[in-house]
Amino acid sequence: MTHPVNSLYWSAQGDKVLRMGTFSYGEFGSFAEHYAGEYLGSKGYTILGRNYRKPWGEIDIIVRKEGIIIFVEVKANKKDLPGFEPEFRVDRNKRYRMARIAGTYLSDHHFSVDQPWQLDVVAVTLDSERRVFKIRHYKNIE
């Protein structure tokens, strides 16, 4: 899926506007997380939280849809490079840490042990030539 990009962007840091190609590493990651949240909201997901942190890791976005709690990892690239897609950076170790943090979140927020949950990945890539963001949503990864 692609979404058009304007020449100016709202920054996830707040009140500043960024021109295409001027994102710092941190700004682009924050923007991608914000954009992924907007995408999920447009698809009927309810956002429960963002950046849930524990000493052993973090979940970028936590959403609910159809009674399922979904823990979303957002990965982003500033360039569209075949073979280096952002979702490839979610390896077995990362999925293990995500599942561990998901269990902690469910416990901390007093969900039932029977609460259905899953892990998703949203990959965001900036295609500056076509002036679009590409979004790929991988559901219920294992």
N, C-alpha and C. Protein backbone atom coordinates (compact mmCIF):
# COMPACT_ATOMS: atom_id res chain seq x y z
N MET A 1 0.85 -1.16 0.00
CA MET A 1 0.00 0.00 0.00
C MET A 1 0.90 1.23 0.00
N THR A 2 0.52 2.23 -0.76
CA THR A 2 1.28 3.48 -0.78
C THR A 2 0.39 4.63 -0.38
N HIS A 3 1.00 5.64 0.21
CA HIS A 3 0.29 6.84 0.62
C HIS A 3 1.07 8.04 0.13
N PRO A 4 0.38 9.06 -0.44
CA PRO A 4 1.10 10.22 -0.96
C PRO A 4 1.77 11.00 0.16
N VAL A 5 2.88 11.59 -0.19
CA VAL A 5 3.66 12.39 0.75
C VAL A 5 3.59 13.84 0.32
N ASN A 6 3.30 14.71 1.23
CA ASN A 6 3.36 16.14 0.95
C ASN A 6 4.81 16.59 1.07
N SER A 7 5.10 17.78 0.61
CA SER A 7 6.47 18.27 0.69
C SER A 7 6.85 18.64 2.12
N LEU A 8 5.86 18.82 2.98
CA LEU A 8 6.13 19.13 4.38
C LEU A 8 5.45 18.08 5.25
N TYR A 9 6.06 17.80 6.40
CA TYR A 9 5.53 16.78 7.29
C TYR A 9 5.35 17.33 8.69
N TRP A 10 4.36 16.80 9.38
CA TRP A 10 4.26 17.03 10.81
C TRP A 10 5.29 16.11 11.46
N SER A 11 6.01 16.61 12.42
CA SER A 11 7.01 15.81 13.11
C SER A 11 6.41 15.21 14.37
N ALA A 12 6.73 13.95 14.64
CA ALA A 12 6.24 13.30 15.85
C ALA A 12 6.81 13.97 17.10
N GLN A 13 7.82 14.80 16.97
CA GLN A 13 8.38 15.51 18.12
C GLN A 13 7.50 16.69 18.52
N GLY A 14 6.53 17.04 17.74
CA GLY A 14 5.64 18.10 18.17
C GLY A 14 5.41 19.15 17.12
N ASP A 15 5.96 20.34 17.34
CA ASP A 15 5.53 21.50 16.59
C ASP A 15 6.38 21.83 15.37
N LYS A 16 7.41 21.07 15.08
CA LYS A 16 8.21 21.46 13.93
C LYS A 16 7.81 20.69 12.68
N VAL A 17 8.09 21.28 11.54
CA VAL A 17 7.76 20.70 10.25
C VAL A 17 9.07 20.37 9.55
N LEU A 18 9.11 19.23 8.90
CA LEU A 18 10.34 18.77 8.26
C LEU A 18 10.13 18.68 6.76
N ARG A 19 11.15 19.04 6.01
CA ARG A 19 11.10 18.87 4.56
C ARG A 19 11.59 17.47 4.22
N MET A 20 11.11 16.97 3.08
CA MET A 20 11.52 15.64 2.67
C MET A 20 13.03 15.51 2.65
N GLY A 21 13.52 14.42 3.23
CA GLY A 21 14.95 14.15 3.22
C GLY A 21 15.70 14.80 4.37
N THR A 22 15.02 15.56 5.23
CA THR A 22 15.72 16.20 6.33
C THR A 22 15.48 15.50 7.67
N PHE A 23 14.85 14.34 7.64
CA PHE A 23 14.62 13.60 8.87
C PHE A 23 15.95 13.13 9.46
N SER A 24 16.16 13.33 10.75
CA SER A 24 17.26 12.66 11.42
C SER A 24 16.81 11.23 11.69
N TYR A 25 17.72 10.39 12.14
CA TYR A 25 17.38 8.99 12.42
C TYR A 25 16.24 8.91 13.42
N GLY A 26 16.34 9.61 14.53
CA GLY A 26 15.31 9.56 15.57
C GLY A 26 14.00 10.16 15.11
N GLU A 27 14.07 11.27 14.37
CA GLU A 27 12.85 11.92 13.88
C GLU A 27 12.12 11.01 12.90
N PHE A 28 12.85 10.36 12.03
CA PHE A 28 12.20 9.49 11.05
C PHE A 28 11.54 8.31 11.74
N GLY A 29 12.21 7.72 12.73
CA GLY A 29 11.62 6.60 13.48
C GLY A 29 10.36 7.02 14.20
N SER A 30 10.39 8.19 14.83
CA SER A 30 9.20 8.68 15.53
C SER A 30 8.08 8.98 14.55
N PHE A 31 8.44 9.58 13.41
CA PHE A 31 7.44 9.87 12.39
C PHE A 31 6.82 8.57 11.88
N ALA A 32 7.65 7.56 11.62
CA ALA A 32 7.15 6.28 11.11
C ALA A 32 6.19 5.65 12.12
N GLU A 33 6.51 5.73 13.41
CA GLU A 33 5.61 5.18 14.43
C GLU A 33 4.29 5.95 14.45
N HIS A 34 4.36 7.26 14.35
CA HIS A 34 3.13 8.06 14.31
C HIS A 34 2.31 7.69 13.07
N TYR A 35 2.96 7.61 11.93
CA TYR A 35 2.29 7.29 10.67
C TYR A 35 1.67 5.90 10.72
N ALA A 36 2.39 4.93 11.30
CA ALA A 36 1.87 3.57 11.44
C ALA A 36 0.62 3.58 12.33
N GLY A 37 0.65 4.37 13.39
CA GLY A 37 -0.52 4.49 14.26
C GLY A 37 -1.71 5.06 13.53
N GLU A 38 -1.48 6.08 12.70
CA GLU A 38 -2.55 6.66 11.89
C GLU A 38 -3.11 5.61 10.91
N TYR A 39 -2.22 4.85 10.31
CA TYR A 39 -2.63 3.80 9.38
C TYR A 39 -3.51 2.77 10.10
N LEU A 40 -3.05 2.30 11.27
CA LEU A 40 -3.81 1.29 12.01
C LEU A 40 -5.18 1.84 12.43
N GLY A 41 -5.21 3.09 12.87
CA GLY A 41 -6.48 3.72 13.23
C GLY A 41 -7.45 3.76 12.06
N SER A 42 -6.92 4.03 10.87
CA SER A 42 -7.77 4.10 9.67
C SER A 42 -8.31 2.72 9.28
N LYS A 43 -7.68 1.67 9.79
CA LYS A 43 -8.11 0.30 9.48
C LYS A 43 -8.99 -0.29 10.58
N GLY A 44 -9.41 0.55 11.54
CA GLY A 44 -10.34 0.09 12.56
C GLY A 44 -9.70 -0.42 13.84
N TYR A 45 -8.41 -0.25 14.00
CA TYR A 45 -7.74 -0.65 15.24
C TYR A 45 -7.88 0.48 16.26
N THR A 46 -8.03 0.12 17.52
CA THR A 46 -8.08 1.10 18.60
C THR A 46 -6.72 1.10 19.30
N ILE A 47 -6.09 2.26 19.35
CA ILE A 47 -4.77 2.35 19.98
C ILE A 47 -4.93 2.38 21.49
N LEU A 48 -4.26 1.44 22.16
CA LEU A 48 -4.28 1.35 23.62
C LEU A 48 -3.06 2.00 24.24
N GLY A 49 -1.96 2.02 23.51
CA GLY A 49 -0.74 2.60 24.07
C GLY A 49 0.36 2.65 23.04
N ARG A 50 1.40 3.41 23.41
CA ARG A 50 2.58 3.55 22.55
C ARG A 50 3.82 3.49 23.43
N ASN A 51 4.87 2.95 22.86
CA ASN A 51 6.19 2.92 23.50
C ASN A 51 6.14 2.36 24.92
N TYR A 52 5.57 1.17 25.05
CA TYR A 52 5.54 0.47 26.34
C TYR A 52 6.94 -0.11 26.57
N ARG A 53 7.62 0.40 27.59
CA ARG A 53 9.03 0.05 27.82
C ARG A 53 9.24 -0.76 29.09
N LYS A 54 10.15 -1.70 28.97
CA LYS A 54 10.67 -2.47 30.10
C LYS A 54 12.19 -2.55 29.89
N PRO A 55 12.93 -2.91 30.93
CA PRO A 55 14.40 -2.96 30.77
C PRO A 55 14.87 -3.87 29.63
N TRP A 56 14.08 -4.85 29.28
CA TRP A 56 14.49 -5.81 28.24
C TRP A 56 13.94 -5.49 26.86
N GLY A 57 13.23 -4.37 26.72
CA GLY A 57 12.76 -4.01 25.39
C GLY A 57 11.55 -3.09 25.41
N GLU A 58 10.95 -2.94 24.23
CA GLU A 58 9.86 -1.99 24.05
C GLU A 58 8.91 -2.50 22.97
N ILE A 59 7.63 -2.17 23.15
CA ILE A 59 6.63 -2.38 22.10
C ILE A 59 6.26 -1.00 21.58
N ASP A 60 6.29 -0.82 20.27
CA ASP A 60 6.04 0.50 19.68
C ASP A 60 4.59 0.94 19.83
N ILE A 61 3.65 0.07 19.44
CA ILE A 61 2.23 0.42 19.48
C ILE A 61 1.45 -0.80 19.97
N ILE A 62 0.48 -0.55 20.83
CA ILE A 62 -0.42 -1.61 21.30
C ILE A 62 -1.83 -1.21 20.86
N VAL A 63 -2.49 -2.13 20.16
CA VAL A 63 -3.82 -1.85 19.63
C VAL A 63 -4.77 -3.00 19.98
N ARG A 64 -6.06 -2.73 19.77
CA ARG A 64 -7.08 -3.77 19.94
C ARG A 64 -7.97 -3.75 18.70
N LYS A 65 -8.30 -4.95 18.25
CA LYS A 65 -9.27 -5.08 17.16
C LYS A 65 -9.98 -6.42 17.33
N GLU A 66 -11.29 -6.36 17.28
CA GLU A 66 -12.12 -7.57 17.38
C GLU A 66 -11.76 -8.40 18.61
N GLY A 67 -11.48 -7.72 19.73
CA GLY A 67 -11.21 -8.40 20.99
C GLY A 67 -9.79 -8.92 21.16
N ILE A 68 -8.95 -8.74 20.15
CA ILE A 68 -7.57 -9.23 20.21
C ILE A 68 -6.65 -8.06 20.54
N ILE A 69 -5.75 -8.26 21.50
CA ILE A 69 -4.72 -7.27 21.80
C ILE A 69 -3.55 -7.55 20.87
N ILE A 70 -3.10 -6.51 20.17
CA ILE A 70 -2.06 -6.68 19.15
C ILE A 70 -0.88 -5.78 19.50
N PHE A 71 0.29 -6.39 19.56
CA PHE A 71 1.54 -5.70 19.88
C PHE A 71 2.28 -5.49 18.56
N VAL A 72 2.50 -4.22 18.23
CA VAL A 72 3.00 -3.87 16.90
C VAL A 72 4.43 -3.33 16.99
N GLU A 73 5.30 -3.91 16.23
CA GLU A 73 6.66 -3.41 16.03
C GLU A 73 6.67 -2.62 14.73
N VAL A 74 7.15 -1.39 14.78
CA VAL A 74 7.24 -0.56 13.57
C VAL A 74 8.71 -0.51 13.15
N LYS A 75 8.96 -0.84 11.90
CA LYS A 75 10.29 -0.75 11.32
C LYS A 75 10.22 0.17 10.11
N ALA A 76 11.25 0.98 9.92
CA ALA A 76 11.21 1.97 8.84
C ALA A 76 12.55 2.12 8.14
N ASN A 77 12.48 2.45 6.87
CA ASN A 77 13.66 2.80 6.07
C ASN A 77 13.39 4.12 5.36
N LYS A 78 14.43 4.93 5.26
CA LYS A 78 14.33 6.18 4.50
C LYS A 78 14.41 5.94 3.01
N LYS A 79 14.94 4.79 2.62
CA LYS A 79 15.09 4.48 1.20
C LYS A 79 14.47 3.13 0.91
N ASP A 80 13.97 2.98 -0.31
CA ASP A 80 13.39 1.73 -0.76
C ASP A 80 14.49 0.91 -1.43
N LEU A 81 15.10 0.01 -0.66
CA LEU A 81 16.21 -0.79 -1.15
C LEU A 81 15.82 -2.27 -1.16
N PRO A 82 15.60 -2.85 -2.34
CA PRO A 82 15.24 -4.26 -2.40
C PRO A 82 16.28 -5.13 -1.70
N GLY A 83 15.78 -6.04 -0.88
CA GLY A 83 16.66 -6.91 -0.10
C GLY A 83 17.00 -6.37 1.27
N PHE A 84 16.67 -5.09 1.52
CA PHE A 84 16.94 -4.47 2.81
C PHE A 84 15.66 -3.87 3.41
N GLU A 85 14.54 -4.52 3.13
CA GLU A 85 13.26 -4.04 3.63
C GLU A 85 13.28 -4.03 5.16
N PRO A 86 12.63 -3.05 5.77
CA PRO A 86 12.71 -2.90 7.23
C PRO A 86 12.19 -4.11 8.00
N GLU A 87 11.19 -4.79 7.47
CA GLU A 87 10.63 -5.93 8.19
C GLU A 87 11.62 -7.07 8.37
N PHE A 88 12.67 -7.10 7.55
CA PHE A 88 13.69 -8.15 7.69
C PHE A 88 14.47 -8.02 9.01
N ARG A 89 14.38 -6.87 9.65
CA ARG A 89 15.09 -6.66 10.92
C ARG A 89 14.34 -7.21 12.14
N VAL A 90 13.18 -7.80 11.91
CA VAL A 90 12.44 -8.43 13.01
C VAL A 90 12.78 -9.92 12.98
N ASP A 91 13.86 -10.27 13.68
CA ASP A 91 14.34 -11.64 13.69
C ASP A 91 13.74 -12.43 14.85
N ARG A 92 14.17 -13.67 15.01
CA ARG A 92 13.65 -14.54 16.06
C ARG A 92 13.88 -13.95 17.45
N ASN A 93 15.04 -13.37 17.67
CA ASN A 93 15.36 -12.77 18.96
C ASN A 93 14.41 -11.59 19.26
N LYS A 94 14.15 -10.76 18.27
CA LYS A 94 13.24 -9.63 18.45
C LYS A 94 11.82 -10.13 18.74
N ARG A 95 11.38 -11.16 18.02
CA ARG A 95 10.04 -11.71 18.27
C ARG A 95 9.94 -12.28 19.68
N TYR A 96 11.00 -12.91 20.16
CA TYR A 96 11.02 -13.43 21.54
C TYR A 96 10.87 -12.29 22.54
N ARG A 97 11.63 -11.21 22.35
CA ARG A 97 11.54 -10.05 23.26
C ARG A 97 10.15 -9.41 23.20
N MET A 98 9.58 -9.33 22.01
CA MET A 98 8.23 -8.78 21.86
C MET A 98 7.23 -9.62 22.64
N ALA A 99 7.32 -10.94 22.52
CA ALA A 99 6.39 -11.83 23.22
C ALA A 99 6.55 -11.69 24.74
N ARG A 100 7.77 -11.56 25.20
CA ARG A 100 8.03 -11.40 26.63
C ARG A 100 7.40 -10.10 27.14
N ILE A 101 7.59 -9.02 26.40
CA ILE A 101 7.03 -7.73 26.80
C ILE A 101 5.50 -7.78 26.71
N ALA A 102 4.96 -8.45 25.70
CA ALA A 102 3.51 -8.59 25.57
C ALA A 102 2.92 -9.26 26.80
N GLY A 103 3.57 -10.33 27.25
CA GLY A 103 3.10 -11.02 28.45
C GLY A 103 3.12 -10.12 29.67
N THR A 104 4.17 -9.31 29.78
CA THR A 104 4.27 -8.37 30.90
C THR A 104 3.17 -7.33 30.82
N TYR A 105 2.91 -6.80 29.64
CA TYR A 105 1.85 -5.80 29.46
C TYR A 105 0.51 -6.39 29.88
N LEU A 106 0.20 -7.58 29.41
CA LEU A 106 -1.08 -8.20 29.73
C LEU A 106 -1.23 -8.40 31.24
N SER A 107 -0.16 -8.80 31.88
CA SER A 107 -0.17 -8.98 33.34
C SER A 107 -0.30 -7.64 34.07
N ASP A 108 0.52 -6.67 33.67
CA ASP A 108 0.48 -5.34 34.31
C ASP A 108 -0.88 -4.68 34.20
N HIS A 109 -1.59 -4.94 33.11
CA HIS A 109 -2.89 -4.31 32.87
C HIS A 109 -4.06 -5.24 33.23
N HIS A 110 -3.75 -6.32 33.94
CA HIS A 110 -4.76 -7.23 34.52
C HIS A 110 -5.70 -7.85 33.50
N PHE A 111 -5.16 -8.22 32.35
CA PHE A 111 -5.95 -8.96 31.38
C PHE A 111 -6.03 -10.41 31.83
N SER A 112 -7.08 -11.08 31.42
CA SER A 112 -7.25 -12.50 31.72
C SER A 112 -6.14 -13.30 31.04
N VAL A 113 -5.79 -14.44 31.62
CA VAL A 113 -4.78 -15.30 30.99
C VAL A 113 -5.29 -15.87 29.67
N ASP A 114 -6.62 -15.82 29.47
CA ASP A 114 -7.22 -16.30 28.23
C ASP A 114 -7.35 -15.22 27.16
N GLN A 115 -6.86 -14.01 27.45
CA GLN A 115 -6.97 -12.89 26.50
C GLN A 115 -6.22 -13.23 25.21
N PRO A 116 -6.90 -13.23 24.06
CA PRO A 116 -6.18 -13.46 22.81
C PRO A 116 -5.28 -12.27 22.47
N TRP A 117 -4.09 -12.57 21.97
CA TRP A 117 -3.14 -11.53 21.59
C TRP A 117 -2.29 -12.05 20.44
N GLN A 118 -1.64 -11.11 19.77
CA GLN A 118 -0.74 -11.48 18.67
C GLN A 118 0.31 -10.40 18.48
N LEU A 119 1.32 -10.75 17.69
CA LEU A 119 2.40 -9.83 17.33
C LEU A 119 2.26 -9.48 15.86
N ASP A 120 2.33 -8.18 15.55
CA ASP A 120 2.30 -7.70 14.17
C ASP A 120 3.53 -6.85 13.90
N VAL A 121 3.86 -6.68 12.64
CA VAL A 121 4.91 -5.76 12.20
C VAL A 121 4.32 -4.84 11.15
N VAL A 122 4.59 -3.54 11.31
CA VAL A 122 4.25 -2.57 10.27
C VAL A 122 5.55 -2.00 9.75
N ALA A 123 5.79 -2.18 8.46
CA ALA A 123 7.01 -1.67 7.81
C ALA A 123 6.65 -0.42 7.02
N VAL A 124 7.43 0.63 7.24
CA VAL A 124 7.21 1.92 6.56
C VAL A 124 8.48 2.26 5.78
N THR A 125 8.32 2.50 4.49
CA THR A 125 9.46 2.85 3.64
C THR A 125 9.13 4.13 2.88
N LEU A 126 10.07 5.05 2.87
CA LEU A 126 9.91 6.30 2.13
C LEU A 126 10.47 6.10 0.72
N ASP A 127 9.62 6.30 -0.27
CA ASP A 127 10.04 6.28 -1.67
C ASP A 127 10.05 7.75 -2.12
N SER A 128 11.21 8.38 -1.98
CA SER A 128 11.30 9.82 -2.22
C SER A 128 11.12 10.18 -3.70
N GLU A 129 11.47 9.28 -4.61
CA GLU A 129 11.29 9.57 -6.03
C GLU A 129 9.81 9.68 -6.39
N ARG A 130 9.01 8.75 -5.87
CA ARG A 130 7.57 8.76 -6.17
C ARG A 130 6.80 9.59 -5.15
N ARG A 131 7.49 10.07 -4.11
CA ARG A 131 6.90 10.91 -3.06
C ARG A 131 5.75 10.22 -2.35
N VAL A 132 5.99 8.94 -1.98
CA VAL A 132 5.00 8.16 -1.24
C VAL A 132 5.67 7.39 -0.12
N PHE A 133 4.88 7.08 0.89
CA PHE A 133 5.29 6.12 1.91
C PHE A 133 4.67 4.78 1.54
N LYS A 134 5.44 3.74 1.62
CA LYS A 134 4.91 2.39 1.41
C LYS A 134 4.72 1.77 2.80
N ILE A 135 3.57 1.18 3.00
CA ILE A 135 3.28 0.51 4.26
C ILE A 135 2.97 -0.95 3.97
N ARG A 136 3.60 -1.82 4.74
CA ARG A 136 3.30 -3.25 4.68
C ARG A 136 2.96 -3.69 6.10
N HIS A 137 1.84 -4.36 6.27
CA HIS A 137 1.38 -4.80 7.58
C HIS A 137 1.39 -6.33 7.62
N TYR A 138 2.22 -6.87 8.48
CA TYR A 138 2.34 -8.33 8.66
C TYR A 138 1.62 -8.69 9.94
N LYS A 139 0.59 -9.52 9.81
CA LYS A 139 -0.27 -9.83 10.95
C LYS A 139 0.08 -11.19 11.55
N ASN A 140 0.00 -11.23 12.88
CA ASN A 140 0.17 -12.47 13.64
C ASN A 140 1.44 -13.22 13.27
N ILE A 141 2.57 -12.51 13.35
CA ILE A 141 3.85 -13.13 13.03
C ILE A 141 4.21 -14.15 14.12
N GLU A 142 5.03 -15.10 13.79
CA GLU A 142 5.44 -16.11 14.77
C GLU A 142 6.93 -16.15 14.94
